[in-house]
Amino acid sequence: LVEKILTGNGYTVVSVPDAEQALSVYESVDGDFKLIFSDVVLPGKDGVALVDELKLRDPELSILLASGYSPDTDLNAIKDRGYRFLHKPYALPELLEAIAELLVNRH
């Protein structure tokens, strides 16, 4: 659903089911991404570990994480790293606003 909404709002979206495939896709296009939007809870490696690894490769990469369930330790780790976070369920305008702000504020 999110992929359809974002595509319908003019964004190019690459959707993958887990962190390992995300890393593979990222490498296959030589890191040509402006923003990573990931759930915190993923099969295998969690979303925070995924975006940490991607930020090491591209410190300018914008990050947006979301979760309906995140222990306080996850939320603290996200805040400590300066990543943007949305609690599920989030409203469509909230998602679109967060993405637009992150892309406009890229360094």
N, C-alpha and C. Protein backbone atom coordinates (compact mmCIF):
# COMPACT_ATOMS: atom_id res chain seq x y z
N LEU A 1 0.83 -1.19 0.00
CA LEU A 1 0.00 0.00 0.00
C LEU A 1 0.87 1.26 0.00
N VAL A 2 1.89 1.27 0.85
CA VAL A 2 2.77 2.44 0.91
C VAL A 2 3.48 2.65 -0.42
N GLU A 3 3.93 1.57 -1.03
CA GLU A 3 4.58 1.68 -2.34
C GLU A 3 3.65 2.32 -3.36
N LYS A 4 2.40 1.89 -3.39
CA LYS A 4 1.41 2.43 -4.32
C LYS A 4 1.16 3.92 -4.05
N ILE A 5 1.04 4.28 -2.79
CA ILE A 5 0.79 5.66 -2.41
C ILE A 5 1.97 6.55 -2.80
N LEU A 6 3.17 6.10 -2.49
CA LEU A 6 4.35 6.92 -2.81
C LEU A 6 4.55 7.04 -4.31
N THR A 7 4.38 5.96 -5.03
CA THR A 7 4.49 6.01 -6.49
C THR A 7 3.45 6.95 -7.06
N GLY A 8 2.24 6.89 -6.54
CA GLY A 8 1.17 7.78 -6.98
C GLY A 8 1.44 9.24 -6.68
N ASN A 9 2.34 9.50 -5.74
CA ASN A 9 2.71 10.87 -5.40
C ASN A 9 4.03 11.29 -6.04
N GLY A 10 4.46 10.53 -7.05
CA GLY A 10 5.60 10.94 -7.84
C GLY A 10 6.96 10.42 -7.40
N TYR A 11 7.00 9.58 -6.39
CA TYR A 11 8.27 9.04 -5.93
C TYR A 11 8.60 7.74 -6.66
N THR A 12 9.87 7.52 -6.90
CA THR A 12 10.34 6.24 -7.41
C THR A 12 10.62 5.36 -6.21
N VAL A 13 10.01 4.19 -6.18
CA VAL A 13 10.08 3.32 -5.02
C VAL A 13 10.65 1.96 -5.40
N VAL A 14 11.55 1.47 -4.58
CA VAL A 14 12.06 0.11 -4.70
C VAL A 14 11.67 -0.58 -3.40
N SER A 15 10.84 -1.59 -3.51
CA SER A 15 10.33 -2.28 -2.34
C SER A 15 10.95 -3.67 -2.24
N VAL A 16 11.45 -4.00 -1.04
CA VAL A 16 12.04 -5.31 -0.80
C VAL A 16 11.53 -5.85 0.55
N PRO A 17 11.53 -7.19 0.72
CA PRO A 17 10.93 -7.77 1.91
C PRO A 17 11.82 -7.86 3.15
N ASP A 18 13.14 -7.67 2.99
CA ASP A 18 14.02 -7.83 4.15
C ASP A 18 15.31 -7.04 3.97
N ALA A 19 16.08 -6.97 5.05
CA ALA A 19 17.31 -6.17 5.05
C ALA A 19 18.35 -6.67 4.07
N GLU A 20 18.50 -7.97 3.98
CA GLU A 20 19.52 -8.52 3.07
C GLU A 20 19.24 -8.14 1.62
N GLN A 21 17.98 -8.21 1.22
CA GLN A 21 17.64 -7.81 -0.15
C GLN A 21 17.79 -6.31 -0.33
N ALA A 22 17.51 -5.55 0.72
CA ALA A 22 17.71 -4.10 0.65
C ALA A 22 19.18 -3.77 0.39
N LEU A 23 20.07 -4.44 1.11
CA LEU A 23 21.50 -4.23 0.89
C LEU A 23 21.92 -4.64 -0.50
N SER A 24 21.38 -5.74 -0.98
CA SER A 24 21.71 -6.23 -2.32
C SER A 24 21.26 -5.23 -3.39
N VAL A 25 20.04 -4.74 -3.26
CA VAL A 25 19.52 -3.76 -4.23
C VAL A 25 20.33 -2.47 -4.15
N TYR A 26 20.64 -2.02 -2.96
CA TYR A 26 21.43 -0.81 -2.77
C TYR A 26 22.77 -0.93 -3.49
N GLU A 27 23.42 -2.05 -3.32
CA GLU A 27 24.71 -2.28 -3.97
C GLU A 27 24.57 -2.39 -5.48
N SER A 28 23.49 -2.98 -5.96
CA SER A 28 23.31 -3.19 -7.39
C SER A 28 23.14 -1.89 -8.16
N VAL A 29 22.71 -0.84 -7.48
CA VAL A 29 22.55 0.46 -8.15
C VAL A 29 23.58 1.47 -7.62
N ASP A 30 24.64 0.96 -7.06
CA ASP A 30 25.74 1.78 -6.53
C ASP A 30 25.25 2.85 -5.56
N GLY A 31 24.28 2.51 -4.73
CA GLY A 31 23.82 3.42 -3.69
C GLY A 31 23.09 4.64 -4.19
N ASP A 32 22.48 4.55 -5.35
CA ASP A 32 21.80 5.70 -5.94
C ASP A 32 20.40 5.89 -5.32
N PHE A 33 20.37 6.15 -4.01
CA PHE A 33 19.13 6.39 -3.28
C PHE A 33 19.28 7.70 -2.50
N LYS A 34 18.17 8.39 -2.34
CA LYS A 34 18.16 9.62 -1.55
C LYS A 34 17.59 9.38 -0.16
N LEU A 35 16.70 8.40 -0.05
CA LEU A 35 16.01 8.15 1.21
C LEU A 35 15.75 6.66 1.38
N ILE A 36 15.90 6.20 2.60
CA ILE A 36 15.54 4.83 2.96
C ILE A 36 14.39 4.92 3.95
N PHE A 37 13.28 4.25 3.61
CA PHE A 37 12.12 4.15 4.50
C PHE A 37 11.97 2.69 4.87
N SER A 38 12.14 2.40 6.15
CA SER A 38 12.15 1.01 6.59
C SER A 38 11.37 0.84 7.87
N ASP A 39 10.78 -0.34 8.02
CA ASP A 39 10.20 -0.72 9.29
C ASP A 39 11.35 -1.04 10.23
N VAL A 40 11.14 -0.86 11.51
CA VAL A 40 12.16 -1.21 12.49
C VAL A 40 12.28 -2.72 12.61
N VAL A 41 11.15 -3.40 12.56
CA VAL A 41 11.13 -4.85 12.71
C VAL A 41 11.15 -5.49 11.32
N LEU A 42 12.24 -6.18 11.02
CA LEU A 42 12.41 -6.85 9.73
C LEU A 42 12.87 -8.29 9.97
N PRO A 43 12.61 -9.16 9.00
CA PRO A 43 13.19 -10.51 9.10
C PRO A 43 14.72 -10.40 9.05
N GLY A 44 15.40 -11.15 9.87
CA GLY A 44 16.86 -11.10 9.89
C GLY A 44 17.35 -9.86 10.62
N LYS A 45 18.11 -9.04 9.95
CA LYS A 45 18.66 -7.81 10.51
C LYS A 45 17.53 -6.80 10.72
N ASP A 46 17.53 -6.09 11.86
CA ASP A 46 16.46 -5.11 12.08
C ASP A 46 16.70 -3.83 11.27
N GLY A 47 15.68 -3.01 11.17
CA GLY A 47 15.73 -1.80 10.36
C GLY A 47 16.78 -0.80 10.82
N VAL A 48 17.00 -0.69 12.12
CA VAL A 48 18.02 0.23 12.63
C VAL A 48 19.40 -0.23 12.19
N ALA A 49 19.68 -1.51 12.30
CA ALA A 49 20.98 -2.04 11.86
C ALA A 49 21.14 -1.85 10.34
N LEU A 50 20.07 -2.05 9.59
CA LEU A 50 20.11 -1.85 8.14
C LEU A 50 20.50 -0.42 7.80
N VAL A 51 19.78 0.55 8.37
CA VAL A 51 20.08 1.94 7.99
C VAL A 51 21.42 2.40 8.55
N ASP A 52 21.83 1.85 9.69
CA ASP A 52 23.18 2.16 10.19
C ASP A 52 24.23 1.76 9.16
N GLU A 53 24.07 0.58 8.61
CA GLU A 53 25.03 0.09 7.61
C GLU A 53 25.00 0.96 6.35
N LEU A 54 23.81 1.35 5.92
CA LEU A 54 23.70 2.18 4.73
C LEU A 54 24.24 3.59 4.97
N LYS A 55 24.05 4.12 6.17
CA LYS A 55 24.60 5.45 6.49
C LYS A 55 26.13 5.43 6.51
N LEU A 56 26.72 4.31 6.85
CA LEU A 56 28.18 4.21 6.79
C LEU A 56 28.66 4.36 5.34
N ARG A 57 27.88 3.85 4.42
CA ARG A 57 28.22 3.92 3.00
C ARG A 57 27.92 5.30 2.42
N ASP A 58 26.85 5.94 2.92
CA ASP A 58 26.45 7.26 2.43
C ASP A 58 25.91 8.09 3.59
N PRO A 59 26.77 8.87 4.22
CA PRO A 59 26.34 9.67 5.37
C PRO A 59 25.24 10.69 5.05
N GLU A 60 25.06 11.03 3.79
CA GLU A 60 24.04 12.00 3.39
C GLU A 60 22.67 11.36 3.17
N LEU A 61 22.57 10.07 3.27
CA LEU A 61 21.33 9.35 3.04
C LEU A 61 20.28 9.74 4.08
N SER A 62 19.08 10.08 3.63
CA SER A 62 17.98 10.41 4.54
C SER A 62 17.33 9.12 5.02
N ILE A 63 16.94 9.11 6.29
CA ILE A 63 16.39 7.90 6.90
C ILE A 63 15.04 8.19 7.53
N LEU A 64 14.07 7.31 7.24
CA LEU A 64 12.76 7.35 7.88
C LEU A 64 12.43 5.93 8.31
N LEU A 65 12.21 5.76 9.61
CA LEU A 65 11.86 4.46 10.16
C LEU A 65 10.44 4.50 10.70
N ALA A 66 9.79 3.34 10.69
CA ALA A 66 8.43 3.24 11.21
C ALA A 66 8.25 1.92 11.94
N SER A 67 7.33 1.93 12.89
CA SER A 67 7.01 0.69 13.59
C SER A 67 5.73 0.86 14.39
N GLY A 68 4.99 -0.22 14.48
CA GLY A 68 3.82 -0.25 15.33
C GLY A 68 4.20 -0.76 16.70
N TYR A 69 5.33 -1.44 16.77
CA TYR A 69 5.83 -1.95 18.04
C TYR A 69 7.33 -1.76 18.07
N SER A 70 7.78 -0.95 18.98
CA SER A 70 9.22 -0.78 19.16
C SER A 70 9.50 -0.61 20.63
N PRO A 71 10.34 -1.47 21.16
CA PRO A 71 10.74 -1.29 22.57
C PRO A 71 11.41 0.06 22.76
N ASP A 72 11.38 0.58 23.97
CA ASP A 72 12.01 1.87 24.25
C ASP A 72 13.47 1.90 23.83
N THR A 73 14.15 0.76 23.94
CA THR A 73 15.57 0.73 23.54
C THR A 73 15.71 1.04 22.06
N ASP A 74 14.79 0.54 21.22
CA ASP A 74 14.83 0.84 19.79
C ASP A 74 14.58 2.33 19.56
N LEU A 75 13.57 2.87 20.23
CA LEU A 75 13.25 4.29 20.04
C LEU A 75 14.39 5.18 20.50
N ASN A 76 15.04 4.81 21.59
CA ASN A 76 16.20 5.59 22.05
C ASN A 76 17.34 5.52 21.04
N ALA A 77 17.58 4.34 20.49
CA ALA A 77 18.63 4.19 19.48
C ALA A 77 18.33 5.03 18.25
N ILE A 78 17.07 5.06 17.85
CA ILE A 78 16.66 5.84 16.68
C ILE A 78 16.87 7.33 16.95
N LYS A 79 16.42 7.79 18.10
CA LYS A 79 16.57 9.20 18.46
C LYS A 79 18.05 9.59 18.58
N ASP A 80 18.84 8.71 19.22
CA ASP A 80 20.27 8.98 19.39
C ASP A 80 20.99 9.17 18.05
N ARG A 81 20.54 8.46 17.04
CA ARG A 81 21.16 8.54 15.72
C ARG A 81 20.60 9.69 14.88
N GLY A 82 19.54 10.31 15.34
CA GLY A 82 18.95 11.42 14.60
C GLY A 82 18.06 11.00 13.46
N TYR A 83 17.60 9.75 13.47
CA TYR A 83 16.73 9.27 12.41
C TYR A 83 15.29 9.72 12.67
N ARG A 84 14.57 9.98 11.62
CA ARG A 84 13.14 10.33 11.72
C ARG A 84 12.34 9.06 11.94
N PHE A 85 11.29 9.14 12.76
CA PHE A 85 10.51 7.96 13.12
C PHE A 85 9.02 8.28 13.06
N LEU A 86 8.25 7.35 12.51
CA LEU A 86 6.79 7.43 12.50
C LEU A 86 6.22 6.23 13.25
N HIS A 87 5.27 6.50 14.14
CA HIS A 87 4.56 5.42 14.82
C HIS A 87 3.43 4.94 13.91
N LYS A 88 3.30 3.62 13.79
CA LYS A 88 2.18 3.04 13.05
C LYS A 88 0.99 2.92 13.99
N PRO A 89 -0.20 3.13 13.54
CA PRO A 89 -0.53 3.57 12.19
C PRO A 89 -0.32 5.08 12.05
N TYR A 90 0.20 5.47 10.93
CA TYR A 90 0.41 6.89 10.65
C TYR A 90 -0.54 7.30 9.53
N ALA A 91 -0.85 8.57 9.48
CA ALA A 91 -1.74 9.10 8.45
C ALA A 91 -0.94 9.37 7.18
N LEU A 92 -1.58 9.24 6.04
CA LEU A 92 -0.92 9.49 4.76
C LEU A 92 -0.27 10.87 4.71
N PRO A 93 -0.95 11.94 5.12
CA PRO A 93 -0.28 13.25 5.08
C PRO A 93 0.97 13.30 5.96
N GLU A 94 0.96 12.59 7.08
CA GLU A 94 2.13 12.55 7.96
C GLU A 94 3.32 11.88 7.25
N LEU A 95 3.05 10.79 6.56
CA LEU A 95 4.09 10.09 5.81
C LEU A 95 4.66 10.98 4.71
N LEU A 96 3.77 11.55 3.91
CA LEU A 96 4.22 12.39 2.80
C LEU A 96 4.98 13.62 3.28
N GLU A 97 4.53 14.20 4.38
CA GLU A 97 5.22 15.36 4.95
C GLU A 97 6.62 14.99 5.43
N ALA A 98 6.74 13.86 6.12
CA ALA A 98 8.04 13.42 6.61
C ALA A 98 9.01 13.18 5.46
N ILE A 99 8.55 12.52 4.42
CA ILE A 99 9.42 12.25 3.27
C ILE A 99 9.84 13.55 2.59
N ALA A 100 8.88 14.43 2.36
CA ALA A 100 9.20 15.71 1.71
C ALA A 100 10.22 16.50 2.53
N GLU A 101 10.02 16.57 3.83
CA GLU A 101 10.96 17.31 4.69
C GLU A 101 12.35 16.70 4.65
N LEU A 102 12.42 15.38 4.71
CA LEU A 102 13.74 14.73 4.68
C LEU A 102 14.46 14.99 3.36
N LEU A 103 13.72 14.95 2.27
CA LEU A 103 14.36 15.16 0.97
C LEU A 103 14.77 16.62 0.76
N VAL A 104 13.98 17.56 1.25
CA VAL A 104 14.31 18.98 1.13
C VAL A 104 15.51 19.32 1.99
N ASN A 105 15.60 18.70 3.15
CA ASN A 105 16.67 19.03 4.10
C ASN A 105 17.94 18.22 3.91
N ARG A 106 18.04 17.47 2.82
CA ARG A 106 19.27 16.71 2.55
C ARG A 106 20.44 17.66 2.45
N HIS A 107 21.55 17.21 2.97
CA HIS A 107 22.78 18.04 2.92
C HIS A 107 23.51 17.81 1.64
